[in-house]
Amino acid sequence: MSCFVLSVGLLLTDKMSSIEVRDIQEGDYDEWVRLFNLYLEFYKASLPEETKKHTFERFINPEIDMWSAVAIHPETGKIIGIANYLKHMYTWNSKDKIYLNDLYVDEEQRLKHVGRSLIEYVFKKADERGDICDVYWCTDMTNHRAQLLYTKVGYNAGKFVYKRPQN
Protein backbone atom coordinates (compact mmCIF):
# COMPACT_ATOMS: atom_id res chain seq x y z
CA MET A 1 0.00 0.00 0.00
CA SER A 2 1.09 3.53 -0.63
CA CYS A 3 -0.39 6.57 1.09
CA PHE A 4 -1.82 9.70 -0.45
CA VAL A 5 -1.86 12.79 1.74
CA LEU A 6 -3.72 16.03 1.11
CA SER A 7 -3.80 19.20 3.13
CA VAL A 8 -7.50 19.76 3.48
CA GLY A 9 -9.27 22.33 1.34
CA LEU A 10 -6.73 22.64 -1.46
CA LEU A 11 -8.27 20.94 -4.48
CA LEU A 12 -12.03 21.12 -4.03
CA THR A 13 -14.28 21.44 -7.06
CA ASP A 14 -18.03 21.63 -7.51
CA LYS A 15 -18.68 18.15 -8.97
CA MET A 16 -21.29 17.09 -6.40
CA SER A 17 -24.21 18.92 -7.99
CA SER A 18 -25.85 15.82 -9.47
CA ILE A 19 -24.72 13.31 -6.84
CA GLU A 20 -26.08 13.65 -3.33
CA VAL A 21 -23.58 12.73 -0.63
CA ARG A 22 -24.72 12.65 2.97
CA ASP A 23 -23.87 11.20 6.37
CA ILE A 24 -24.93 7.63 6.85
CA GLN A 25 -28.22 6.97 8.67
CA GLU A 26 -29.42 4.01 10.73
CA GLY A 27 -31.66 2.75 7.90
CA ASP A 28 -28.70 2.54 5.50
CA TYR A 29 -27.19 -0.63 6.99
CA ASP A 30 -28.31 -3.09 4.29
CA GLU A 31 -27.00 -0.98 1.42
CA TRP A 32 -23.86 0.01 3.31
CA VAL A 33 -23.00 -3.61 4.13
CA ARG A 34 -23.69 -4.64 0.50
CA LEU A 35 -21.11 -2.13 -0.72
CA PHE A 36 -18.72 -2.83 2.15
CA ASN A 37 -18.82 -6.55 1.30
CA LEU A 38 -17.98 -5.72 -2.33
CA TYR A 39 -15.11 -3.56 -1.10
CA LEU A 40 -13.80 -6.42 1.04
CA GLU A 41 -14.20 -8.83 -1.87
CA PHE A 42 -12.15 -6.49 -4.09
CA TYR A 43 -9.32 -6.73 -1.56
CA LYS A 44 -9.82 -10.50 -1.13
CA ALA A 45 -10.74 -9.96 2.52
CA SER A 46 -13.63 -10.93 4.74
CA LEU A 47 -14.89 -9.91 8.15
CA PRO A 48 -17.33 -11.51 10.58
CA GLU A 49 -20.86 -10.07 10.46
CA GLU A 50 -20.42 -8.98 14.08
CA THR A 51 -17.47 -6.76 13.10
CA LYS A 52 -19.44 -5.14 10.28
CA LYS A 53 -22.39 -4.45 12.59
CA HIS A 54 -20.07 -3.04 15.25
CA THR A 55 -18.38 -0.79 12.69
CA PHE A 56 -21.74 0.50 11.46
CA GLU A 57 -22.86 1.19 15.04
CA ARG A 58 -19.74 3.31 15.51
CA PHE A 59 -20.76 5.50 12.55
CA ILE A 60 -24.14 6.17 14.16
CA ASN A 61 -22.75 6.90 17.64
CA PRO A 62 -22.13 10.67 18.00
CA GLU A 63 -19.62 10.00 20.80
CA ILE A 64 -17.22 8.22 18.42
CA ASP A 65 -15.08 10.12 15.89
CA MET A 66 -15.69 7.61 13.11
CA TRP A 67 -18.13 8.26 10.28
CA SER A 68 -19.43 7.05 6.95
CA ALA A 69 -20.76 9.03 4.03
CA VAL A 70 -22.95 7.60 1.29
CA ALA A 71 -23.43 8.69 -2.32
CA ILE A 72 -26.97 8.53 -3.62
CA HIS A 73 -27.88 7.92 -7.27
CA PRO A 74 -29.77 11.02 -8.47
CA GLU A 75 -32.50 9.04 -10.26
CA THR A 76 -32.94 5.83 -8.29
CA GLY A 77 -32.19 7.11 -4.78
CA LYS A 78 -30.03 3.99 -4.27
CA ILE A 79 -26.76 4.14 -2.33
CA ILE A 80 -23.99 3.76 -4.90
CA GLY A 81 -20.86 4.57 -2.90
CA ILE A 82 -19.45 4.71 0.62
CA ALA A 83 -16.60 6.52 2.35
CA ASN A 84 -15.67 5.43 5.87
CA TYR A 85 -13.38 7.79 7.76
CA LEU A 86 -12.13 8.59 11.25
CA LYS A 87 -10.34 11.27 13.21
CA HIS A 88 -7.11 10.69 15.10
CA MET A 89 -4.53 12.72 16.98
CA TYR A 90 -1.27 13.73 15.35
CA THR A 91 2.08 14.32 17.07
CA TRP A 92 3.33 16.92 14.57
CA ASN A 93 0.44 19.35 14.94
CA SER A 94 -2.03 20.37 17.63
CA LYS A 95 -4.81 19.70 15.13
CA ASP A 96 -5.99 16.18 14.32
CA LYS A 97 -6.04 14.25 11.05
CA ILE A 98 -8.77 12.45 9.15
CA TYR A 99 -7.97 9.01 7.78
CA LEU A 100 -10.20 7.97 4.89
CA ASN A 101 -10.23 4.28 5.71
CA ASP A 102 -12.51 2.80 3.02
CA LEU A 103 -13.81 4.17 -0.28
CA TYR A 104 -15.97 2.08 -2.58
CA VAL A 105 -18.21 2.88 -5.54
CA ASP A 106 -20.55 0.42 -7.27
CA GLU A 107 -18.75 -0.93 -10.33
CA GLU A 108 -21.35 0.38 -12.81
CA GLN A 109 -21.21 3.88 -11.25
CA ARG A 110 -17.47 4.42 -11.63
CA LEU A 111 -16.08 7.23 -13.78
CA LYS A 112 -19.17 9.32 -12.96
CA HIS A 113 -17.61 11.53 -10.25
CA VAL A 114 -19.04 9.41 -7.43
CA GLY A 115 -15.66 8.60 -5.83
CA ARG A 116 -14.51 12.18 -6.21
CA SER A 117 -17.76 13.45 -4.69
CA LEU A 118 -17.30 11.17 -1.68
CA ILE A 119 -13.70 12.32 -1.18
CA GLU A 120 -14.70 15.97 -1.50
CA TYR A 121 -17.47 15.41 1.03
CA VAL A 122 -14.88 14.11 3.51
CA PHE A 123 -12.72 17.18 2.77
CA LYS A 124 -15.74 19.44 3.39
CA LYS A 125 -16.56 17.72 6.68
CA ALA A 126 -12.91 18.08 7.77
CA ASP A 127 -12.92 21.79 6.87
CA GLU A 128 -16.18 22.34 8.76
CA ARG A 129 -14.69 20.86 11.94
CA GLY A 130 -11.86 23.39 12.04
CA ASP A 131 -9.64 21.09 14.10
CA ILE A 132 -8.24 19.01 11.22
CA CYS A 133 -4.86 19.67 9.59
CA ASP A 134 -4.84 16.88 6.98
CA VAL A 135 -6.91 14.23 5.25
CA TYR A 136 -5.08 11.15 3.99
CA TRP A 137 -5.74 7.66 2.72
CA CYS A 138 -3.95 4.56 1.45
CA THR A 139 -4.56 2.32 -1.50
CA ASP A 140 -3.10 -0.89 -2.82
CA MET A 141 -0.09 -0.33 -5.08
CA THR A 142 -1.86 -2.30 -7.83
CA ASN A 143 -5.12 -0.32 -7.66
CA HIS A 144 -4.19 1.85 -10.63
CA ARG A 145 -7.76 2.82 -11.47
CA ALA A 146 -8.24 4.40 -8.05
CA GLN A 147 -4.85 6.07 -8.26
CA LEU A 148 -5.99 7.90 -11.40
CA LEU A 149 -8.62 9.63 -9.25
CA TYR A 150 -6.39 10.07 -6.21
CA THR A 151 -3.72 11.95 -8.16
CA LYS A 152 -6.43 14.43 -9.24
CA VAL A 153 -7.58 15.21 -5.69
CA GLY A 154 -4.35 14.64 -3.74
CA TYR A 155 -0.72 13.67 -4.14
CA ASN A 156 1.33 10.59 -3.40
CA ALA A 157 3.25 11.35 -0.20
CA GLY A 158 5.91 8.77 -1.06
CA LYS A 159 5.25 6.67 2.04
CA PHE A 160 5.05 2.93 2.53
CA VAL A 161 2.76 1.26 5.04
CA TYR A 162 4.22 -1.43 7.28
CA LYS A 163 2.21 -3.75 9.50
CA ARG A 164 3.02 -5.96 12.42
CA PRO A 165 3.12 -9.62 11.35
CA GLN A 166 0.20 -11.74 12.50
CA ASN A 167 1.05 -14.51 14.97
Foldseek 3Di string as FASTA:
>chain_A
DFKWKDFFPDQDDPLCPQKDKDWDDPVCLVLVVVQVVVQCVVVVHDDDPVVSVVLVVLQHDPVAFKTKMFIAHNPPRGTFKMWIKGWDDDPVDQAIAIEGEDITGHPVCPPSCRRVVRVSVVSVVQVVVVRHGIYMYDDDPPPVVVVVVSVNRTGGPPDDDDDDDDD
